[in-house]
Amino acid sequence: MTGVLVVNQLTLGPAGEMSLPRPGVYEGYAWWAGREAASAYYDEVLRSINDDWFPERIGHAWSQCPADERYVLDLAFVREPEPYDEDDD
């Protein structure tokens, strides 16, 4: 039990992590804004990539996205964690 929340991307691995006030069970809601506009921009860039593009140019194009993506997790502590049972491994 670490008290660290790891936010994982489905295919790319961890996107970030944050320390929680204490280990335990939390409930909450996730919401976002700007996701569709950013996705449309990334799709546009992907369609324009050709053999003349190099990794730095692609990275620069990603950094120029005019849409800000915002992701929010609203969490609330619910209870202490269950005791760890080594026999469950």
Protein backbone atom coordinates (compact mmCIF):
# COMPACT_ATOMS: atom_id res chain seq x y z
CA MET A 1 0.00 0.00 0.00
CA THR A 2 1.72 3.11 -1.23
CA GLY A 3 -0.89 5.86 -1.30
CA VAL A 4 0.09 6.65 -4.91
CA LEU A 5 -2.47 6.87 -7.70
CA VAL A 6 -1.09 5.89 -11.11
CA VAL A 7 -3.07 7.07 -14.12
CA ASN A 8 -2.56 4.57 -16.92
CA GLN A 9 -3.07 4.97 -20.68
CA LEU A 10 -4.60 1.90 -22.27
CA THR A 11 -1.82 1.25 -24.79
CA LEU A 12 1.00 3.58 -23.74
CA GLY A 13 1.50 2.85 -20.04
CA PRO A 14 1.50 5.36 -17.17
CA ALA A 15 0.52 8.92 -18.04
CA GLY A 16 1.28 10.24 -14.59
CA GLU A 17 1.00 9.67 -10.89
CA MET A 18 0.15 11.60 -7.76
CA SER A 19 0.50 10.99 -4.05
CA LEU A 20 -2.75 10.57 -2.19
CA PRO A 21 -3.19 11.91 1.34
CA ARG A 22 -3.19 8.32 2.62
CA PRO A 23 -3.56 4.76 1.34
CA GLY A 24 -7.11 3.50 1.11
CA VAL A 25 -10.17 3.11 -1.04
CA TYR A 26 -11.28 6.19 -2.96
CA GLU A 27 -14.36 6.89 -5.06
CA GLY A 28 -14.71 9.63 -7.57
CA TYR A 29 -15.45 10.97 -11.00
CA ALA A 30 -13.28 11.67 -14.01
CA TRP A 31 -14.04 14.36 -16.56
CA TRP A 32 -12.24 16.09 -19.37
CA ALA A 33 -12.44 19.03 -21.74
CA GLY A 34 -10.79 19.74 -25.10
CA ARG A 35 -10.30 16.08 -25.89
CA GLU A 36 -12.20 16.09 -29.19
CA ALA A 37 -10.44 19.22 -30.54
CA ALA A 38 -7.00 17.86 -29.63
CA SER A 39 -7.81 14.51 -31.22
CA ALA A 40 -8.92 16.23 -34.43
CA TYR A 41 -5.63 18.19 -34.52
CA TYR A 42 -3.53 15.05 -33.96
CA ASP A 43 -5.44 13.25 -36.73
CA GLU A 44 -4.79 16.19 -39.07
CA VAL A 45 -1.05 16.07 -38.29
CA LEU A 46 -0.94 12.29 -38.78
CA ARG A 47 -2.52 12.67 -42.24
CA SER A 48 0.13 15.23 -43.23
CA ILE A 49 3.19 13.18 -42.19
CA ASN A 50 5.19 11.93 -45.14
CA ASP A 51 8.72 10.64 -45.79
CA ASP A 52 10.18 14.15 -45.36
CA TRP A 53 9.11 14.32 -41.72
CA PHE A 54 11.57 13.43 -38.97
CA PRO A 55 10.89 12.74 -35.26
CA GLU A 56 11.73 16.29 -34.16
CA ARG A 57 9.29 17.77 -36.68
CA ILE A 58 6.54 15.44 -35.49
CA GLY A 59 7.27 16.37 -31.87
CA HIS A 60 7.14 20.05 -32.79
CA ALA A 61 3.80 19.54 -34.53
CA TRP A 62 2.39 17.82 -31.42
CA SER A 63 3.57 20.70 -29.24
CA GLN A 64 1.74 23.22 -31.47
CA CYS A 65 -1.71 21.78 -30.77
CA PRO A 66 -4.06 24.79 -30.38
CA ALA A 67 -6.47 22.87 -28.15
CA ASP A 68 -5.74 22.37 -24.46
CA GLU A 69 -6.74 18.99 -23.09
CA ARG A 70 -7.81 19.02 -19.45
CA TYR A 71 -8.41 15.90 -17.38
CA VAL A 72 -9.72 16.06 -13.82
CA LEU A 73 -10.13 13.37 -11.17
CA ASP A 74 -12.43 14.29 -8.29
CA LEU A 75 -11.64 11.76 -5.56
CA ALA A 76 -12.90 11.24 -2.03
CA PHE A 77 -11.51 8.89 0.62
CA VAL A 78 -14.04 6.17 1.49
CA ARG A 79 -12.31 3.75 3.84
CA GLU A 80 -9.07 2.14 4.93
CA PRO A 81 -7.56 -0.46 2.56
CA GLU A 82 -8.16 -4.18 2.98
CA PRO A 83 -5.33 -6.02 4.76
CA TYR A 84 -2.79 -7.43 2.30
CA ASP A 85 -2.85 -11.24 2.15
CA GLU A 86 0.35 -12.75 0.74
CA ASP A 87 -1.52 -16.01 0.03
CA ASP A 88 -3.49 -14.20 -2.72
CA ASP A 89 -0.36 -14.02 -4.94
